[in-house]
């Protein structure tokens, strides 16, 4: 399956091996969620290590650890679609963080809509009654 089919297709193909892949990257990680501070919409779910969190706090931009490239990922560094941090929240068990952000670009997702624009967030499809994906 190509990335295009995965990211734009209507076939449900959830990657239940993602956590195993993330843990195999050799970094100590925790889930990091980016939420629009104004609308409450969840934009991205990724992972952060200590360096990503320290960079986010220092630079004021949502920062993650890319488990596929095994490198620091400052959201927007290549696209210009930064997510400016308003708050960083920690859950009760201190095993995940929530970046409350304001998008400073055209969108938060690396995929584009049918008009070629960056999507506002990464959650742009829903599971239909027949089990297939449909665009919102």
Protein backbone atom coordinates (compact mmCIF):
# COMPACT_ATOMS: atom_id res chain seq x y z
CA UNK A 1 0.00 0.00 0.00
CA UNK A 2 1.36 3.43 -0.90
CA UNK A 3 1.37 6.46 1.40
CA UNK A 4 -1.20 8.08 -0.91
CA UNK A 5 -3.58 5.12 -0.54
CA UNK A 6 -3.03 5.07 3.23
CA UNK A 7 -3.50 8.83 3.66
CA UNK A 8 -6.29 9.40 1.13
CA UNK A 9 -7.95 6.03 0.67
CA UNK A 10 -11.21 4.72 2.02
CA UNK A 11 -9.89 1.34 3.23
CA UNK A 12 -9.44 1.06 7.01
CA UNK A 13 -5.88 -0.17 7.68
CA UNK A 14 -5.04 0.82 11.26
CA UNK A 15 -1.42 0.28 12.29
CA UNK A 16 -1.73 -1.59 15.56
CA UNK A 17 2.06 -2.11 15.54
CA UNK A 18 2.83 1.62 15.92
CA UNK A 19 3.66 1.48 19.63
CA UNK A 20 6.04 -1.44 19.10
CA UNK A 21 7.72 0.51 16.26
CA UNK A 22 7.95 3.62 18.42
CA UNK A 23 9.49 1.72 21.32
CA UNK A 24 12.01 0.14 18.93
CA UNK A 25 13.44 3.54 17.95
CA UNK A 26 15.72 3.46 20.99
CA UNK A 27 14.39 6.62 22.65
CA UNK A 28 12.45 6.98 25.90
CA UNK A 29 9.16 8.47 24.71
CA UNK A 30 5.73 9.53 25.85
CA UNK A 31 2.63 10.45 23.82
CA UNK A 32 2.38 14.14 22.91
CA UNK A 33 -0.94 15.53 21.72
CA UNK A 34 -1.31 18.88 19.95
CA UNK A 35 -4.72 20.47 20.55
CA UNK A 36 -5.99 23.74 19.10
CA UNK A 37 -6.16 26.05 22.15
CA UNK A 38 -9.16 27.91 20.73
CA UNK A 39 -11.36 25.20 19.19
CA UNK A 40 -10.28 22.20 21.28
CA UNK A 41 -9.73 20.14 18.11
CA UNK A 42 -7.03 17.48 18.36
CA UNK A 43 -4.59 18.25 15.54
CA UNK A 44 -1.77 15.72 15.92
CA UNK A 45 -0.77 12.86 18.19
CA UNK A 46 2.94 12.11 18.25
CA UNK A 47 5.70 11.27 20.70
CA UNK A 48 8.15 13.36 22.67
CA UNK A 49 11.42 12.50 24.34
CA UNK A 50 13.21 14.77 26.82
CA UNK A 51 14.93 16.73 24.00
CA UNK A 52 11.63 17.34 22.18
CA UNK A 53 9.96 18.63 25.34
CA UNK A 54 12.93 20.83 26.28
CA UNK A 55 13.00 22.25 22.73
CA UNK A 56 9.24 22.89 22.78
CA UNK A 57 9.47 24.73 26.10
CA UNK A 58 12.48 26.78 24.96
CA UNK A 59 11.28 27.66 21.45
CA UNK A 60 7.51 27.84 22.05
CA UNK A 61 6.71 25.53 19.12
CA UNK A 62 5.18 22.04 19.23
CA UNK A 63 8.11 19.64 18.97
CA UNK A 64 8.06 15.87 18.71
CA UNK A 65 10.46 12.98 18.26
CA UNK A 66 10.01 11.40 14.83
CA UNK A 67 9.99 7.66 15.48
CA UNK A 68 10.24 6.87 11.76
CA UNK A 69 13.27 9.12 11.12
CA UNK A 70 14.61 8.88 14.69
CA UNK A 71 15.21 12.63 14.91
CA UNK A 72 13.85 15.81 16.44
CA UNK A 73 10.78 17.09 14.58
CA UNK A 74 9.79 20.72 15.09
CA UNK A 75 6.34 20.86 13.51
CA UNK A 76 6.46 23.44 10.73
CA UNK A 77 10.25 23.60 10.32
CA UNK A 78 9.97 22.57 6.65
CA UNK A 79 6.35 23.54 5.85
CA UNK A 80 6.13 26.81 7.77
CA UNK A 81 2.99 25.49 9.49
CA UNK A 82 4.25 25.92 13.05
CA UNK A 83 2.10 25.23 16.10
CA UNK A 84 2.75 27.96 18.66
CA UNK A 85 2.51 26.66 22.22
CA UNK A 86 0.11 28.40 24.60
CA UNK A 87 0.40 25.79 27.38
CA UNK A 88 1.97 22.42 28.02
CA UNK A 89 -0.15 20.20 30.23
CA UNK A 90 0.84 16.94 31.93
CA UNK A 91 -1.60 14.13 32.69
CA UNK A 92 -2.19 12.69 36.16
CA UNK A 93 0.26 9.78 35.77
CA UNK A 94 2.90 12.02 34.13
CA UNK A 95 3.13 9.71 31.12
CA UNK A 96 1.75 11.98 28.39
CA UNK A 97 1.75 15.68 27.52
CA UNK A 98 -0.74 17.97 25.85
CA UNK A 99 0.47 20.90 23.78
CA UNK A 100 -2.30 23.52 23.67
CA UNK A 101 -1.37 25.40 20.50
CA UNK A 102 -2.36 28.07 18.01
CA UNK A 103 -1.61 27.15 14.40
CA UNK A 104 0.65 29.76 12.81
CA UNK A 105 0.35 28.51 9.25
CA UNK A 106 -2.12 27.02 6.82
CA UNK A 107 -2.67 23.70 8.59
CA UNK A 108 -1.22 21.12 10.94
CA UNK A 109 -1.32 17.95 8.83
CA UNK A 110 1.35 17.09 6.27
CA UNK A 111 -1.38 15.86 3.87
CA UNK A 112 -3.34 18.16 1.58
CA UNK A 113 -7.06 18.37 0.86
CA UNK A 114 -8.56 18.01 -2.64
CA UNK A 115 -7.74 21.69 -3.33
CA UNK A 116 -4.07 21.22 -2.41
CA UNK A 117 -4.30 23.02 0.94
CA UNK A 118 -2.75 21.69 4.14
CA UNK A 119 -5.43 20.12 6.31
CA UNK A 120 -6.23 21.82 9.62
CA UNK A 121 -5.51 18.61 11.53
CA UNK A 122 -4.66 14.97 10.98
CA UNK A 123 -8.13 13.64 11.87
CA UNK A 124 -10.00 14.26 8.60
CA UNK A 125 -11.71 10.87 8.09
CA UNK A 126 -14.24 8.87 10.05
CA UNK A 127 -15.11 5.19 10.13
CA UNK A 128 -18.44 4.72 8.36
CA UNK A 129 -21.05 2.12 9.28
CA UNK A 130 -19.73 -0.19 6.54
CA UNK A 131 -16.22 -0.05 8.10
CA UNK A 132 -14.73 2.07 5.34
CA UNK A 133 -13.25 5.52 5.79
CA UNK A 134 -15.02 8.63 4.64
CA UNK A 135 -13.66 12.15 4.45
CA UNK A 136 -15.30 14.71 6.72
